[in-house]
Amino acid sequence: MTEPEEPKTNRQICRMHCPDCTTFKENNLKFAATHDLYCVHGKSEVAEYSIEKGCNCLGCELFSREGLKGGWFCLYGLAGKK
């Protein structure tokens, strides 16, 4: 008998999407102090110096599960892109 898989944490879910995002990669957001869960913590501290390249938020399980809107949380914060 196999044991059920432990549910993924929000951070684990996020790390399946953010690192592959073109905006995340192009702006080297992995080197910023906050480098995941932008939909929870808000935009990156380097957002004002960053450029839009693409957004993986819309395909993230957290986006649909939490009823989030807008995407691009790394650049626009909790409200997402308008």
Protein backbone atom coordinates (compact mmCIF):
# COMPACT_ATOMS: atom_id res chain seq x y z
CA MET A 1 0.00 0.00 0.00
CA THR A 2 1.41 3.39 -0.94
CA GLU A 3 1.13 6.40 1.29
CA PRO A 4 -0.75 9.41 -0.03
CA GLU A 5 1.39 12.20 -1.38
CA GLU A 6 1.87 15.11 1.00
CA PRO A 7 0.05 18.22 -0.24
CA LYS A 8 2.29 20.78 -1.87
CA THR A 9 2.91 23.97 0.03
CA ASN A 10 2.19 27.31 -1.60
CA ARG A 11 5.94 27.91 -1.94
CA GLN A 12 6.43 24.57 -3.72
CA ILE A 13 3.60 25.39 -6.11
CA CYS A 14 5.05 28.82 -6.76
CA ARG A 15 8.49 27.40 -7.49
CA MET A 16 6.98 25.33 -10.27
CA HIS A 17 5.98 28.53 -12.10
CA CYS A 18 8.08 31.59 -11.21
CA PRO A 19 11.57 30.28 -12.10
CA ASP A 20 10.44 29.48 -15.68
CA CYS A 21 8.72 32.84 -16.21
CA THR A 22 10.43 35.06 -18.78
CA THR A 23 9.91 38.20 -16.68
CA PHE A 24 11.42 36.43 -13.66
CA LYS A 25 14.42 35.20 -15.70
CA GLU A 26 15.05 38.35 -17.76
CA ASN A 27 15.06 40.57 -14.66
CA ASN A 28 17.09 38.16 -12.52
CA LEU A 29 14.42 38.21 -9.82
CA LYS A 30 15.93 35.07 -8.28
CA PHE A 31 18.67 37.33 -6.89
CA ALA A 32 16.23 39.72 -5.21
CA ALA A 33 15.54 39.33 -1.49
CA THR A 34 11.94 38.29 -2.19
CA HIS A 35 11.95 35.83 -5.07
CA ASP A 36 8.68 33.93 -4.83
CA LEU A 37 5.08 34.16 -3.68
CA TYR A 38 4.60 37.65 -5.08
CA CYS A 39 0.85 37.02 -5.05
CA VAL A 40 1.13 36.76 -1.25
CA HIS A 41 3.96 39.16 -0.35
CA GLY A 42 3.68 41.77 -3.09
CA LYS A 43 5.95 42.96 -5.86
CA SER A 44 9.69 42.55 -6.03
CA GLU A 45 11.83 45.32 -4.59
CA VAL A 46 13.39 45.66 -8.04
CA ALA A 47 10.04 45.91 -9.88
CA GLU A 48 10.50 49.56 -10.84
CA TYR A 49 13.70 48.61 -12.71
CA SER A 50 12.21 45.52 -14.35
CA ILE A 51 10.58 44.99 -17.73
CA GLU A 52 7.59 42.86 -18.70
CA LYS A 53 8.48 39.80 -20.75
CA GLY A 54 5.77 37.26 -19.96
CA CYS A 55 3.65 36.02 -17.08
CA ASN A 56 3.23 32.50 -15.71
CA CYS A 57 0.82 33.56 -12.96
CA LEU A 58 -2.28 32.71 -14.95
CA GLY A 59 -1.23 29.05 -15.19
CA CYS A 60 -0.37 28.71 -11.51
CA GLU A 61 -2.55 26.56 -9.27
CA LEU A 62 -2.55 29.34 -6.65
CA PHE A 63 -3.99 31.80 -9.19
CA SER A 64 -7.07 29.71 -9.83
CA ARG A 65 -7.43 28.25 -6.34
CA GLU A 66 -7.31 31.65 -4.62
CA GLY A 67 -9.37 33.46 -7.26
CA LEU A 68 -6.55 35.89 -8.06
CA LYS A 69 -6.84 38.47 -10.83
CA GLY A 70 -4.39 40.34 -13.03
CA GLY A 71 -1.19 38.34 -12.80
CA TRP A 72 2.26 39.96 -13.04
CA PHE A 73 2.40 40.07 -9.23
CA CYS A 74 6.21 40.33 -9.25
CA LEU A 75 5.93 43.71 -11.00
CA TYR A 76 2.55 45.09 -9.89
CA GLY A 77 2.03 43.69 -6.41
CA LEU A 78 -0.97 42.04 -4.81
CA ALA A 79 -3.55 43.72 -7.03
CA GLY A 80 -1.87 42.41 -10.18
CA LYS A 81 -1.74 44.13 -13.53
CA LYS A 82 -4.80 46.22 -14.34
